[in-house]
Amino acid sequence: MTSRTVTDSVGRSWTCVTELPATERSESAQGRDVVLSCVTASVAAPVQLTVGWQWESMAPSGLARLLSQASPAPRRRD
């Protein structure tokens, strides 16, 4: 499993993980999109995001921007 943490423009810290089967981790996985499951404290459910196979080297601000666009509004803290 690979994970990465980024902070979006409103200060939410997102942790994204993908779990690839052993066969997907090989060189044959190059060029295939992957699905990330990303969580943050202020959003109730994980956000699923499809990204390119080189997502681990993507700029943190780019990944955070994609998450901000895909995420629902933050839940209210009472």
N, C-alpha and C. Protein backbone atom coordinates (compact mmCIF):
# COMPACT_ATOMS: atom_id res chain seq x y z
N MET A 1 0.85 -1.16 0.00
CA MET A 1 0.00 0.00 0.00
C MET A 1 0.90 1.23 0.00
N THR A 2 0.51 2.21 -0.79
CA THR A 2 1.23 3.46 -0.88
C THR A 2 0.35 4.55 -0.30
N SER A 3 0.93 5.48 0.45
CA SER A 3 0.14 6.57 1.00
C SER A 3 0.88 7.89 0.82
N ARG A 4 0.10 8.95 0.90
CA ARG A 4 0.65 10.29 0.75
C ARG A 4 -0.28 11.27 1.46
N THR A 5 0.28 12.29 2.10
CA THR A 5 -0.52 13.29 2.79
C THR A 5 -0.25 14.66 2.17
N VAL A 6 -1.32 15.39 1.86
CA VAL A 6 -1.21 16.73 1.30
C VAL A 6 -2.20 17.64 2.03
N THR A 7 -1.96 18.95 1.97
CA THR A 7 -2.84 19.93 2.58
C THR A 7 -3.41 20.81 1.49
N ASP A 8 -4.76 20.96 1.49
CA ASP A 8 -5.40 21.76 0.46
C ASP A 8 -5.41 23.24 0.82
N SER A 9 -5.98 24.06 -0.05
CA SER A 9 -5.94 25.51 0.10
C SER A 9 -6.72 26.05 1.30
N VAL A 10 -7.63 25.23 1.85
CA VAL A 10 -8.37 25.67 3.04
C VAL A 10 -7.81 25.04 4.32
N GLY A 11 -6.66 24.39 4.22
CA GLY A 11 -5.98 23.85 5.38
C GLY A 11 -6.34 22.45 5.80
N ARG A 12 -7.14 21.75 5.00
CA ARG A 12 -7.49 20.36 5.35
C ARG A 12 -6.33 19.45 4.97
N SER A 13 -5.95 18.60 5.89
CA SER A 13 -4.88 17.63 5.66
C SER A 13 -5.51 16.32 5.18
N TRP A 14 -5.18 15.92 3.97
CA TRP A 14 -5.73 14.71 3.35
C TRP A 14 -4.67 13.61 3.35
N THR A 15 -5.09 12.40 3.70
CA THR A 15 -4.22 11.23 3.56
C THR A 15 -4.84 10.33 2.51
N CYS A 16 -4.06 10.05 1.48
CA CYS A 16 -4.53 9.24 0.35
C CYS A 16 -3.78 7.92 0.32
N VAL A 17 -4.51 6.85 0.07
CA VAL A 17 -3.90 5.52 -0.02
C VAL A 17 -4.43 4.79 -1.24
N THR A 18 -3.62 3.93 -1.74
CA THR A 18 -4.04 3.00 -2.78
C THR A 18 -3.43 1.66 -2.43
N GLU A 19 -4.18 0.64 -2.63
CA GLU A 19 -3.68 -0.70 -2.37
C GLU A 19 -3.74 -1.47 -3.67
N LEU A 20 -2.58 -1.71 -4.22
CA LEU A 20 -2.51 -2.41 -5.50
C LEU A 20 -2.16 -3.88 -5.26
N PRO A 21 -2.80 -4.78 -5.98
CA PRO A 21 -2.40 -6.18 -5.91
C PRO A 21 -0.95 -6.32 -6.38
N ALA A 22 -0.28 -7.36 -5.96
CA ALA A 22 1.13 -7.56 -6.32
C ALA A 22 1.35 -7.51 -7.83
N THR A 23 0.42 -8.02 -8.59
CA THR A 23 0.58 -8.00 -10.05
C THR A 23 0.51 -6.59 -10.60
N GLU A 24 -0.20 -5.69 -9.93
CA GLU A 24 -0.32 -4.31 -10.37
C GLU A 24 0.92 -3.49 -10.03
N ARG A 25 1.72 -3.94 -9.07
CA ARG A 25 2.91 -3.19 -8.67
C ARG A 25 4.08 -3.39 -9.62
N SER A 26 3.94 -4.28 -10.53
CA SER A 26 5.04 -4.57 -11.44
C SER A 26 5.14 -3.51 -12.52
N GLU A 27 6.13 -3.64 -13.35
CA GLU A 27 6.34 -2.70 -14.46
C GLU A 27 5.14 -2.67 -15.39
N SER A 28 4.35 -3.75 -15.45
CA SER A 28 3.20 -3.78 -16.34
C SER A 28 2.11 -2.79 -15.92
N ALA A 29 2.20 -2.25 -14.71
CA ALA A 29 1.20 -1.29 -14.24
C ALA A 29 1.48 0.12 -14.76
N GLN A 30 2.62 0.31 -15.39
CA GLN A 30 2.93 1.63 -15.92
C GLN A 30 1.89 2.04 -16.95
N GLY A 31 1.47 3.29 -16.85
CA GLY A 31 0.48 3.80 -17.79
C GLY A 31 -0.96 3.58 -17.38
N ARG A 32 -1.20 2.85 -16.32
CA ARG A 32 -2.57 2.60 -15.86
C ARG A 32 -2.95 3.58 -14.76
N ASP A 33 -4.16 4.11 -14.86
CA ASP A 33 -4.66 4.98 -13.80
C ASP A 33 -4.88 4.18 -12.53
N VAL A 34 -4.81 4.87 -11.39
CA VAL A 34 -5.07 4.23 -10.10
C VAL A 34 -6.17 5.00 -9.38
N VAL A 35 -6.86 4.32 -8.48
CA VAL A 35 -7.92 4.95 -7.68
C VAL A 35 -7.38 5.14 -6.27
N LEU A 36 -7.46 6.39 -5.81
CA LEU A 36 -7.04 6.71 -4.45
C LEU A 36 -8.26 6.82 -3.55
N SER A 37 -8.10 6.47 -2.31
CA SER A 37 -9.11 6.70 -1.29
C SER A 37 -8.48 7.70 -0.33
N CYS A 38 -9.08 8.90 -0.24
CA CYS A 38 -8.50 9.99 0.54
C CYS A 38 -9.44 10.39 1.66
N VAL A 39 -8.87 10.61 2.85
CA VAL A 39 -9.68 10.99 4.01
C VAL A 39 -9.10 12.24 4.66
N THR A 40 -10.00 12.99 5.29
CA THR A 40 -9.66 14.14 6.11
C THR A 40 -10.69 14.22 7.22
N ALA A 41 -10.33 14.85 8.32
CA ALA A 41 -11.22 14.89 9.49
C ALA A 41 -12.54 15.62 9.23
N SER A 42 -12.54 16.61 8.35
CA SER A 42 -13.75 17.42 8.18
C SER A 42 -14.71 16.92 7.11
N VAL A 43 -14.41 15.78 6.48
CA VAL A 43 -15.31 15.20 5.48
C VAL A 43 -15.67 13.79 5.96
N ALA A 44 -16.98 13.52 6.01
CA ALA A 44 -17.46 12.29 6.63
C ALA A 44 -17.00 11.01 5.92
N ALA A 45 -17.07 10.97 4.61
CA ALA A 45 -16.75 9.75 3.87
C ALA A 45 -15.48 9.94 3.05
N PRO A 46 -14.74 8.86 2.81
CA PRO A 46 -13.55 8.97 1.97
C PRO A 46 -13.90 9.46 0.57
N VAL A 47 -13.00 10.20 -0.02
CA VAL A 47 -13.16 10.69 -1.38
C VAL A 47 -12.37 9.75 -2.30
N GLN A 48 -13.04 9.22 -3.31
CA GLN A 48 -12.39 8.36 -4.30
C GLN A 48 -11.93 9.25 -5.45
N LEU A 49 -10.69 9.10 -5.85
CA LEU A 49 -10.12 9.95 -6.88
C LEU A 49 -9.30 9.09 -7.83
N THR A 50 -9.56 9.19 -9.12
CA THR A 50 -8.78 8.46 -10.13
C THR A 50 -7.70 9.40 -10.64
N VAL A 51 -6.46 8.92 -10.56
CA VAL A 51 -5.31 9.72 -10.96
C VAL A 51 -4.39 8.88 -11.85
N GLY A 52 -3.43 9.52 -12.44
CA GLY A 52 -2.46 8.82 -13.28
C GLY A 52 -1.53 7.94 -12.48
N TRP A 53 -0.87 7.04 -13.15
CA TRP A 53 -0.04 6.04 -12.49
C TRP A 53 1.17 6.65 -11.79
N GLN A 54 1.56 7.87 -12.13
CA GLN A 54 2.71 8.50 -11.47
C GLN A 54 2.26 9.51 -10.41
N TRP A 55 1.14 9.24 -9.77
CA TRP A 55 0.56 10.16 -8.79
C TRP A 55 1.48 10.44 -7.62
N GLU A 56 2.36 9.51 -7.30
CA GLU A 56 3.26 9.70 -6.16
C GLU A 56 4.25 10.83 -6.40
N SER A 57 4.54 11.16 -7.65
CA SER A 57 5.47 12.24 -7.95
C SER A 57 4.74 13.53 -8.35
N MET A 58 3.42 13.51 -8.30
CA MET A 58 2.61 14.69 -8.61
C MET A 58 2.89 15.78 -7.58
N ALA A 59 2.88 17.04 -8.02
CA ALA A 59 3.08 18.16 -7.10
C ALA A 59 2.01 18.12 -6.00
N PRO A 60 2.39 18.35 -4.75
CA PRO A 60 1.41 18.33 -3.66
C PRO A 60 0.24 19.28 -3.91
N SER A 61 0.51 20.45 -4.45
CA SER A 61 -0.58 21.41 -4.69
C SER A 61 -1.54 20.90 -5.76
N GLY A 62 -1.04 20.18 -6.74
CA GLY A 62 -1.90 19.61 -7.78
C GLY A 62 -2.83 18.54 -7.23
N LEU A 63 -2.29 17.65 -6.42
CA LEU A 63 -3.11 16.60 -5.81
C LEU A 63 -4.13 17.23 -4.86
N ALA A 64 -3.71 18.21 -4.08
CA ALA A 64 -4.63 18.89 -3.15
C ALA A 64 -5.74 19.60 -3.92
N ARG A 65 -5.43 20.19 -5.05
CA ARG A 65 -6.45 20.88 -5.85
C ARG A 65 -7.48 19.88 -6.38
N LEU A 66 -7.02 18.73 -6.85
CA LEU A 66 -7.95 17.69 -7.32
C LEU A 66 -8.86 17.23 -6.19
N LEU A 67 -8.31 17.08 -5.00
CA LEU A 67 -9.12 16.67 -3.84
C LEU A 67 -10.16 17.72 -3.49
N SER A 68 -9.77 18.99 -3.51
CA SER A 68 -10.71 20.06 -3.20
C SER A 68 -11.87 20.08 -4.18
N GLN A 69 -11.57 19.82 -5.44
CA GLN A 69 -12.60 19.81 -6.47
C GLN A 69 -13.54 18.62 -6.32
N ALA A 70 -13.01 17.49 -5.87
CA ALA A 70 -13.81 16.26 -5.79
C ALA A 70 -14.53 16.10 -4.45
N SER A 71 -14.11 16.82 -3.44
CA SER A 71 -14.66 16.59 -2.09
C SER A 71 -15.96 17.36 -1.87
N PRO A 72 -16.81 16.80 -1.01
CA PRO A 72 -18.01 17.54 -0.62
C PRO A 72 -17.61 18.64 0.36
N ALA A 73 -18.55 19.49 0.68
CA ALA A 73 -18.29 20.54 1.66
C ALA A 73 -17.92 19.92 3.00
N PRO A 74 -17.05 20.55 3.76
CA PRO A 74 -16.69 20.00 5.07
C PRO A 74 -17.90 19.92 5.98
N ARG A 75 -17.93 18.91 6.83
CA ARG A 75 -19.04 18.79 7.79
C ARG A 75 -18.81 19.82 8.90
N ARG A 76 -19.91 20.25 9.49
CA ARG A 76 -19.83 21.24 10.56
C ARG A 76 -19.39 20.59 11.85
N ARG A 77 -18.60 21.31 12.60
CA ARG A 77 -18.20 20.84 13.93
C ARG A 77 -19.10 21.52 14.94
N ASP A 78 -19.83 20.74 15.71
CA ASP A 78 -20.75 21.31 16.71
C ASP A 78 -20.15 21.28 18.08
